[in-house]
Amino acid sequence: CINNRSYIAVTAHFIDGDGKMCSVCLGCEYF
């Protein structure tokens, strides 16, 4: 980021029971 702090994000992608594509952010953490 602009303050020189490092971050890592992880996002999960899957198809739910209705056949729809879903994306959920599992984490965006300071590393």
PDB file of all heavy atoms in Angstrom:
ATOM      1  N   CYS A   1       0.838  -1.196   0.000  1.00  0.00           N
ATOM      2  CA  CYS A   1       0.000   0.000   0.000  1.00  0.00           C
ATOM      3  C   CYS A   1       0.876   1.250   0.000  1.00  0.00           C
ATOM      4  O   CYS A   1       2.109   1.180   0.035  1.00  0.00           O
ATOM      5  CB  CYS A   1      -0.943  -0.004   1.199  1.00  0.00           C
ATOM      6  SG  CYS A   1      -0.112   0.275   2.775  1.00  0.00           S
ATOM      7  N   ILE A   2       0.228   2.401  -0.002  1.00  0.00           N
ATOM      8  CA  ILE A   2       0.939   3.674  -0.078  1.00  0.00           C
ATOM      9  C   ILE A   2       1.792   3.919   1.165  1.00  0.00           C
ATOM     10  O   ILE A   2       2.759   4.682   1.125  1.00  0.00           O
ATOM     11  CB  ILE A   2      -0.077   4.824  -0.282  1.00  0.00           C
ATOM     12  CG1 ILE A   2       0.651   6.106  -0.685  1.00  0.00           C
ATOM     13  CG2 ILE A   2      -0.918   5.027   0.979  1.00  0.00           C
ATOM     14  CD1 ILE A   2      -0.287   7.232  -1.066  1.00  0.00           C
ATOM     15  N   ASN A   3       1.437   3.262   2.275  1.00  0.00           N
ATOM     16  CA  ASN A   3       2.213   3.385   3.515  1.00  0.00           C
ATOM     17  C   ASN A   3       3.314   2.338   3.626  1.00  0.00           C
ATOM     18  O   ASN A   3       3.871   2.135   4.700  1.00  0.00           O
ATOM     19  CB  ASN A   3       1.278   3.271   4.724  1.00  0.00           C
ATOM     20  CG  ASN A   3       0.285   4.411   4.787  1.00  0.00           C
ATOM     21  OD1 ASN A   3       0.606   5.541   4.426  1.00  0.00           O
ATOM     22  ND2 ASN A   3      -0.926   4.127   5.239  1.00  0.00           N
ATOM     23  N   ASN A   4       3.579   1.669   2.503  1.00  0.00           N
ATOM     24  CA  ASN A   4       4.642   0.667   2.430  1.00  0.00           C
ATOM     25  C   ASN A   4       4.378  -0.530   3.346  1.00  0.00           C
ATOM     26  O   ASN A   4       5.310  -1.132   3.891  1.00  0.00           O
ATOM     27  CB  ASN A   4       6.007   1.291   2.765  1.00  0.00           C
ATOM     28  CG  ASN A   4       7.151   0.496   2.178  1.00  0.00           C
ATOM     29  OD1 ASN A   4       7.026  -0.108   1.113  1.00  0.00           O
ATOM     30  ND2 ASN A   4       8.285   0.491   2.865  1.00  0.00           N
ATOM     31  N   ARG A   5       3.130  -0.884   3.499  1.00  0.00           N
ATOM     32  CA  ARG A   5       2.740  -2.080   4.255  1.00  0.00           C
ATOM     33  C   ARG A   5       2.289  -3.146   3.269  1.00  0.00           C
ATOM     34  O   ARG A   5       1.528  -2.869   2.340  1.00  0.00           O
ATOM     35  CB  ARG A   5       1.615  -1.761   5.244  1.00  0.00           C
ATOM     36  CG  ARG A   5       2.052  -0.867   6.391  1.00  0.00           C
ATOM     37  CD  ARG A   5       0.853  -0.348   7.173  1.00  0.00           C
ATOM     38  NE  ARG A   5       0.108  -1.418   7.804  1.00  0.00           N
ATOM     39  CZ  ARG A   5       0.346  -1.905   9.028  1.00  0.00           C
ATOM     40  NH1 ARG A   5       1.346  -1.392   9.751  1.00  0.00           N
ATOM     41  NH2 ARG A   5      -0.390  -2.878   9.534  1.00  0.00           N
ATOM     42  N   SER A   6       2.741  -4.364   3.500  1.00  0.00           N
ATOM     43  CA  SER A   6       2.469  -5.458   2.573  1.00  0.00           C
ATOM     44  C   SER A   6       1.209  -6.210   2.976  1.00  0.00           C
ATOM     45  O   SER A   6       0.996  -6.506   4.160  1.00  0.00           O
ATOM     46  CB  SER A   6       3.653  -6.421   2.548  1.00  0.00           C
ATOM     47  OG  SER A   6       3.410  -7.495   1.667  1.00  0.00           O
ATOM     48  N   TYR A   7       0.362  -6.532   1.969  1.00  0.00           N
ATOM     49  CA  TYR A   7      -0.882  -7.264   2.198  1.00  0.00           C
ATOM     50  C   TYR A   7      -1.004  -8.419   1.210  1.00  0.00           C
ATOM     51  O   TYR A   7      -0.450  -8.362   0.105  1.00  0.00           O
ATOM     52  CB  TYR A   7      -2.103  -6.349   2.048  1.00  0.00           C
ATOM     53  CG  TYR A   7      -2.226  -5.301   3.128  1.00  0.00           C
ATOM     54  CD1 TYR A   7      -1.555  -4.091   3.019  1.00  0.00           C
ATOM     55  CD2 TYR A   7      -2.996  -5.536   4.256  1.00  0.00           C
ATOM     56  CE1 TYR A   7      -1.662  -3.128   4.009  1.00  0.00           C
ATOM     57  CE2 TYR A   7      -3.112  -4.586   5.257  1.00  0.00           C
ATOM     58  CZ  TYR A   7      -2.439  -3.378   5.128  1.00  0.00           C
ATOM     59  OH  TYR A   7      -2.538  -2.436   6.110  1.00  0.00           O
ATOM     60  N   ILE A   8      -1.741  -9.445   1.628  1.00  0.00           N
ATOM     61  CA  ILE A   8      -2.028 -10.585   0.753  1.00  0.00           C
ATOM     62  C   ILE A   8      -3.524 -10.884   0.862  1.00  0.00           C
ATOM     63  O   ILE A   8      -4.088 -10.928   1.966  1.00  0.00           O
ATOM     64  CB  ILE A   8      -1.219 -11.831   1.134  1.00  0.00           C
ATOM     65  CG1 ILE A   8       0.277 -11.575   0.954  1.00  0.00           C
ATOM     66  CG2 ILE A   8      -1.637 -13.022   0.285  1.00  0.00           C
ATOM     67  CD1 ILE A   8       1.150 -12.770   1.283  1.00  0.00           C
ATOM     68  N   ALA A   9      -4.162 -11.095  -0.289  1.00  0.00           N
ATOM     69  CA  ALA A   9      -5.585 -11.425  -0.320  1.00  0.00           C
ATOM     70  C   ALA A   9      -5.775 -12.790  -0.949  1.00  0.00           C
ATOM     71  O   ALA A   9      -5.032 -13.191  -1.850  1.00  0.00           O
ATOM     72  CB  ALA A   9      -6.367 -10.378  -1.104  1.00  0.00           C
ATOM     73  N   VAL A  10      -6.779 -13.511  -0.463  1.00  0.00           N
ATOM     74  CA  VAL A  10      -7.123 -14.836  -0.984  1.00  0.00           C
ATOM     75  C   VAL A  10      -8.628 -14.859  -1.243  1.00  0.00           C
ATOM     76  O   VAL A  10      -9.419 -14.502  -0.367  1.00  0.00           O
ATOM     77  CB  VAL A  10      -6.745 -15.968  -0.011  1.00  0.00           C
ATOM     78  CG1 VAL A  10      -7.119 -17.321  -0.602  1.00  0.00           C
ATOM     79  CG2 VAL A  10      -5.268 -15.915   0.319  1.00  0.00           C
ATOM     80  N   THR A  11      -9.021 -15.281  -2.445  1.00  0.00           N
ATOM     81  CA  THR A  11     -10.432 -15.352  -2.816  1.00  0.00           C
ATOM     82  C   THR A  11     -10.764 -16.757  -3.288  1.00  0.00           C
ATOM     83  O   THR A  11      -9.990 -17.365  -4.034  1.00  0.00           O
ATOM     84  CB  THR A  11     -10.765 -14.344  -3.938  1.00  0.00           C
ATOM     85  OG1 THR A  11     -10.385 -13.036  -3.514  1.00  0.00           O
ATOM     86  CG2 THR A  11     -12.248 -14.360  -4.256  1.00  0.00           C
ATOM     87  N   ALA A  12     -11.912 -17.264  -2.828  1.00  0.00           N
ATOM     88  CA  ALA A  12     -12.377 -18.593  -3.230  1.00  0.00           C
ATOM     89  C   ALA A  12     -13.461 -18.458  -4.292  1.00  0.00           C
ATOM     90  O   ALA A  12     -14.324 -17.584  -4.210  1.00  0.00           O
ATOM     91  CB  ALA A  12     -12.921 -19.364  -2.030  1.00  0.00           C
ATOM     92  N   HIS A  13     -13.421 -19.338  -5.285  1.00  0.00           N
ATOM     93  CA  HIS A  13     -14.411 -19.353  -6.369  1.00  0.00           C
ATOM     94  C   HIS A  13     -15.000 -20.766  -6.441  1.00  0.00           C
ATOM     95  O   HIS A  13     -14.255 -21.748  -6.449  1.00  0.00           O
ATOM     96  CB  HIS A  13     -13.754 -18.980  -7.704  1.00  0.00           C
ATOM     97  CG  HIS A  13     -12.936 -17.723  -7.629  1.00  0.00           C
ATOM     98  ND1 HIS A  13     -13.464 -16.472  -7.843  1.00  0.00           N
ATOM     99  CD2 HIS A  13     -11.617 -17.544  -7.351  1.00  0.00           C
ATOM    100  CE1 HIS A  13     -12.509 -15.565  -7.716  1.00  0.00           C
ATOM    101  NE2 HIS A  13     -11.384 -16.195  -7.408  1.00  0.00           N
ATOM    102  N   PHE A  14     -16.330 -20.839  -6.499  1.00  0.00           N
ATOM    103  CA  PHE A  14     -16.982 -22.139  -6.533  1.00  0.00           C
ATOM    104  C   PHE A  14     -18.386 -21.990  -7.119  1.00  0.00           C
ATOM    105  O   PHE A  14     -18.900 -20.876  -7.271  1.00  0.00           O
ATOM    106  CB  PHE A  14     -17.065 -22.749  -5.134  1.00  0.00           C
ATOM    107  CG  PHE A  14     -17.780 -21.889  -4.134  1.00  0.00           C
ATOM    108  CD1 PHE A  14     -19.140 -22.021  -3.899  1.00  0.00           C
ATOM    109  CD2 PHE A  14     -17.093 -20.915  -3.416  1.00  0.00           C
ATOM    110  CE1 PHE A  14     -19.804 -21.235  -2.988  1.00  0.00           C
ATOM    111  CE2 PHE A  14     -17.743 -20.102  -2.497  1.00  0.00           C
ATOM    112  CZ  PHE A  14     -19.107 -20.266  -2.287  1.00  0.00           C
ATOM    113  N   ILE A  15     -18.987 -23.113  -7.440  1.00  0.00           N
ATOM    114  CA  ILE A  15     -20.355 -23.148  -7.967  1.00  0.00           C
ATOM    115  C   ILE A  15     -21.264 -23.675  -6.858  1.00  0.00           C
ATOM    116  O   ILE A  15     -21.021 -24.747  -6.307  1.00  0.00           O
ATOM    117  CB  ILE A  15     -20.445 -24.056  -9.216  1.00  0.00           C
ATOM    118  CG1 ILE A  15     -19.551 -23.495 -10.323  1.00  0.00           C
ATOM    119  CG2 ILE A  15     -21.884 -24.157  -9.691  1.00  0.00           C
ATOM    120  CD1 ILE A  15     -19.503 -24.372 -11.558  1.00  0.00           C
ATOM    121  N   ASP A  16     -22.291 -22.912  -6.531  1.00  0.00           N
ATOM    122  CA  ASP A  16     -23.176 -23.313  -5.436  1.00  0.00           C
ATOM    123  C   ASP A  16     -24.213 -24.337  -5.895  1.00  0.00           C
ATOM    124  O   ASP A  16     -24.199 -24.796  -7.048  1.00  0.00           O
ATOM    125  CB  ASP A  16     -23.867 -22.085  -4.828  1.00  0.00           C
ATOM    126  CG  ASP A  16     -24.786 -21.380  -5.817  1.00  0.00           C
ATOM    127  OD1 ASP A  16     -25.029 -21.924  -6.912  1.00  0.00           O
ATOM    128  OD2 ASP A  16     -25.269 -20.280  -5.490  1.00  0.00           O
ATOM    129  N   GLY A  17     -25.127 -24.686  -5.005  1.00  0.00           N
ATOM    130  CA  GLY A  17     -26.123 -25.699  -5.310  1.00  0.00           C
ATOM    131  C   GLY A  17     -27.098 -25.303  -6.398  1.00  0.00           C
ATOM    132  O   GLY A  17     -27.730 -26.171  -7.021  1.00  0.00           O
ATOM    133  N   ASP A  18     -27.228 -23.993  -6.673  1.00  0.00           N
ATOM    134  CA  ASP A  18     -28.119 -23.515  -7.734  1.00  0.00           C
ATOM    135  C   ASP A  18     -27.410 -23.355  -9.068  1.00  0.00           C
ATOM    136  O   ASP A  18     -27.991 -22.844 -10.029  1.00  0.00           O
ATOM    137  CB  ASP A  18     -28.740 -22.173  -7.325  1.00  0.00           C
ATOM    138  CG  ASP A  18     -29.602 -22.294  -6.084  1.00  0.00           C
ATOM    139  OD1 ASP A  18     -30.199 -23.369  -5.907  1.00  0.00           O
ATOM    140  OD2 ASP A  18     -29.660 -21.335  -5.293  1.00  0.00           O
ATOM    141  N   GLY A  19     -26.141 -23.777  -9.112  1.00  0.00           N
ATOM    142  CA  GLY A  19     -25.391 -23.678 -10.360  1.00  0.00           C
ATOM    143  C   GLY A  19     -24.843 -22.295 -10.644  1.00  0.00           C
ATOM    144  O   GLY A  19     -24.471 -22.002 -11.791  1.00  0.00           O
ATOM    145  N   LYS A  20     -24.783 -21.433  -9.646  1.00  0.00           N
ATOM    146  CA  LYS A  20     -24.275 -20.077  -9.836  1.00  0.00           C
ATOM    147  C   LYS A  20     -22.824 -19.975  -9.382  1.00  0.00           C
ATOM    148  O   LYS A  20     -22.422 -20.581  -8.387  1.00  0.00           O
ATOM    149  CB  LYS A  20     -25.128 -19.078  -9.048  1.00  0.00           C
ATOM    150  CG  LYS A  20     -26.572 -18.996  -9.517  1.00  0.00           C
ATOM    151  CD  LYS A  20     -27.343 -17.973  -8.698  1.00  0.00           C
ATOM    152  CE  LYS A  20     -28.786 -17.872  -9.143  1.00  0.00           C
ATOM    153  NZ  LYS A  20     -29.552 -16.884  -8.333  1.00  0.00           N
ATOM    154  N   MET A  21     -22.045 -19.206 -10.143  1.00  0.00           N
ATOM    155  CA  MET A  21     -20.656 -18.974  -9.770  1.00  0.00           C
ATOM    156  C   MET A  21     -20.598 -17.995  -8.610  1.00  0.00           C
ATOM    157  O   MET A  21     -21.195 -16.919  -8.655  1.00  0.00           O
ATOM    158  CB  MET A  21     -19.861 -18.431 -10.957  1.00  0.00           C
ATOM    159  CG  MET A  21     -18.437 -18.025 -10.610  1.00  0.00           C
ATOM    160  SD  MET A  21     -17.395 -19.428 -10.119  1.00  0.00           S
ATOM    161  CE  MET A  21     -17.134 -20.200 -11.714  1.00  0.00           C
ATOM    162  N   CYS A  22     -19.881 -18.348  -7.556  1.00  0.00           N
ATOM    163  CA  CYS A  22     -19.757 -17.505  -6.364  1.00  0.00           C
ATOM    164  C   CYS A  22     -18.296 -17.214  -6.086  1.00  0.00           C
ATOM    165  O   CYS A  22     -17.424 -18.057  -6.317  1.00  0.00           O
ATOM    166  CB  CYS A  22     -20.377 -18.192  -5.143  1.00  0.00           C
ATOM    167  SG  CYS A  22     -22.126 -18.579  -5.324  1.00  0.00           S
ATOM    168  N   SER A  23     -18.029 -16.023  -5.607  1.00  0.00           N
ATOM    169  CA  SER A  23     -16.683 -15.619  -5.216  1.00  0.00           C
ATOM    170  C   SER A  23     -16.742 -15.022  -3.823  1.00  0.00           C
ATOM    171  O   SER A  23     -17.558 -14.131  -3.562  1.00  0.00           O
ATOM    172  CB  SER A  23     -16.103 -14.597  -6.198  1.00  0.00           C
ATOM    173  OG  SER A  23     -15.963 -15.166  -7.484  1.00  0.00           O
ATOM    174  N   VAL A  24     -15.899 -15.515  -2.933  1.00  0.00           N
ATOM    175  CA  VAL A  24     -15.882 -15.058  -1.547  1.00  0.00           C
ATOM    176  C   VAL A  24     -14.446 -14.742  -1.148  1.00  0.00           C
ATOM    177  O   VAL A  24     -13.551 -15.573  -1.317  1.00  0.00           O
ATOM    178  CB  VAL A  24     -16.455 -16.137  -0.598  1.00  0.00           C
ATOM    179  CG1 VAL A  24     -16.330 -15.683   0.857  1.00  0.00           C
ATOM    180  CG2 VAL A  24     -17.903 -16.430  -0.940  1.00  0.00           C
ATOM    181  N   CYS A  25     -14.239 -13.529  -0.622  1.00  0.00           N
ATOM    182  CA  CYS A  25     -12.908 -13.146  -0.140  1.00  0.00           C
ATOM    183  C   CYS A  25     -12.669 -13.820   1.206  1.00  0.00           C
ATOM    184  O   CYS A  25     -13.349 -13.536   2.185  1.00  0.00           O
ATOM    185  CB  CYS A  25     -12.810 -11.627  -0.003  1.00  0.00           C
ATOM    186  SG  CYS A  25     -11.208 -11.051   0.595  1.00  0.00           S
ATOM    187  N   LEU A  26     -11.704 -14.724   1.247  1.00  0.00           N
ATOM    188  CA  LEU A  26     -11.407 -15.455   2.477  1.00  0.00           C
ATOM    189  C   LEU A  26     -10.530 -14.651   3.427  1.00  0.00           C
ATOM    190  O   LEU A  26     -10.520 -14.911   4.631  1.00  0.00           O
ATOM    191  CB  LEU A  26     -10.718 -16.785   2.154  1.00  0.00           C
ATOM    192  CG  LEU A  26     -11.447 -17.722   1.175  1.00  0.00           C
ATOM    193  CD1 LEU A  26     -10.701 -19.045   1.075  1.00  0.00           C
ATOM    194  CD2 LEU A  26     -12.886 -17.938   1.592  1.00  0.00           C
ATOM    195  N   GLY A  27      -9.813 -13.709   2.895  1.00  0.00           N
ATOM    196  CA  GLY A  27      -8.952 -12.908   3.760  1.00  0.00           C
ATOM    197  C   GLY A  27      -8.163 -11.882   2.990  1.00  0.00           C
ATOM    198  O   GLY A  27      -7.796 -12.098   1.834  1.00  0.00           O
ATOM    199  N   CYS A  28      -7.941 -10.752   3.626  1.00  0.00           N
ATOM    200  CA  CYS A  28      -7.054  -9.706   3.104  1.00  0.00           C
ATOM    201  C   CYS A  28      -6.279  -9.203   4.304  1.00  0.00           C
ATOM    202  O   CYS A  28      -6.755  -8.346   5.053  1.00  0.00           O
ATOM    203  CB  CYS A  28      -7.863  -8.591   2.431  1.00  0.00           C
ATOM    204  SG  CYS A  28      -6.830  -7.262   1.755  1.00  0.00           S
ATOM    205  N   GLU A  29      -5.099  -9.757   4.509  1.00  0.00           N
ATOM    206  CA  GLU A  29      -4.391  -9.566   5.765  1.00  0.00           C
ATOM    207  C   GLU A  29      -3.028  -8.907   5.567  1.00  0.00           C
ATOM    208  O   GLU A  29      -2.377  -9.050   4.537  1.00  0.00           O
ATOM    209  CB  GLU A  29      -4.206 -10.917   6.468  1.00  0.00           C
ATOM    210  CG  GLU A  29      -5.509 -11.637   6.774  1.00  0.00           C
ATOM    211  CD  GLU A  29      -5.297 -12.924   7.525  1.00  0.00           C
ATOM    212  OE1 GLU A  29      -4.130 -13.180   7.949  1.00  0.00           O
ATOM    213  OE2 GLU A  29      -6.264 -13.694   7.694  1.00  0.00           O
ATOM    214  N   TYR A  30      -2.631  -8.202   6.617  1.00  0.00           N
ATOM    215  CA  TYR A  30      -1.306  -7.597   6.653  1.00  0.00           C
ATOM    216  C   TYR A  30      -0.263  -8.706   6.778  1.00  0.00           C
ATOM    217  O   TYR A  30      -0.374  -9.594   7.632  1.00  0.00           O
ATOM    218  CB  TYR A  30      -1.220  -6.643   7.835  1.00  0.00           C
ATOM    219  CG  TYR A  30       0.164  -6.111   8.115  1.00  0.00           C
ATOM    220  CD1 TYR A  30       0.878  -5.405   7.143  1.00  0.00           C
ATOM    221  CD2 TYR A  30       0.752  -6.314   9.364  1.00  0.00           C
ATOM    222  CE1 TYR A  30       2.138  -4.924   7.412  1.00  0.00           C
ATOM    223  CE2 TYR A  30       2.013  -5.834   9.636  1.00  0.00           C
ATOM    224  CZ  TYR A  30       2.717  -5.139   8.658  1.00  0.00           C
ATOM    225  OH  TYR A  30       3.976  -4.660   8.922  1.00  0.00           O
ATOM    226  N   PHE A  31       0.743  -8.662   5.911  1.00  0.00           N
ATOM    227  CA  PHE A  31       1.761  -9.721   5.862  1.00  0.00           C
ATOM    228  C   PHE A  31       3.121  -9.077   6.073  1.00  0.00           C
ATOM    229  O   PHE A  31       3.693  -8.475   5.162  1.00  0.00           O
ATOM    230  CB  PHE A  31       1.701 -10.443   4.512  1.00  0.00           C
ATOM    231  CG  PHE A  31       2.443 -11.741   4.474  1.00  0.00           C
ATOM    232  CD1 PHE A  31       1.888 -12.896   5.002  1.00  0.00           C
ATOM    233  CD2 PHE A  31       3.704 -11.810   3.912  1.00  0.00           C
ATOM    234  CE1 PHE A  31       2.576 -14.100   4.961  1.00  0.00           C
ATOM    235  CE2 PHE A  31       4.392 -13.008   3.867  1.00  0.00           C
ATOM    236  CZ  PHE A  31       3.829 -14.160   4.400  1.00  0.00           C
TER     237      PHE A  31
END
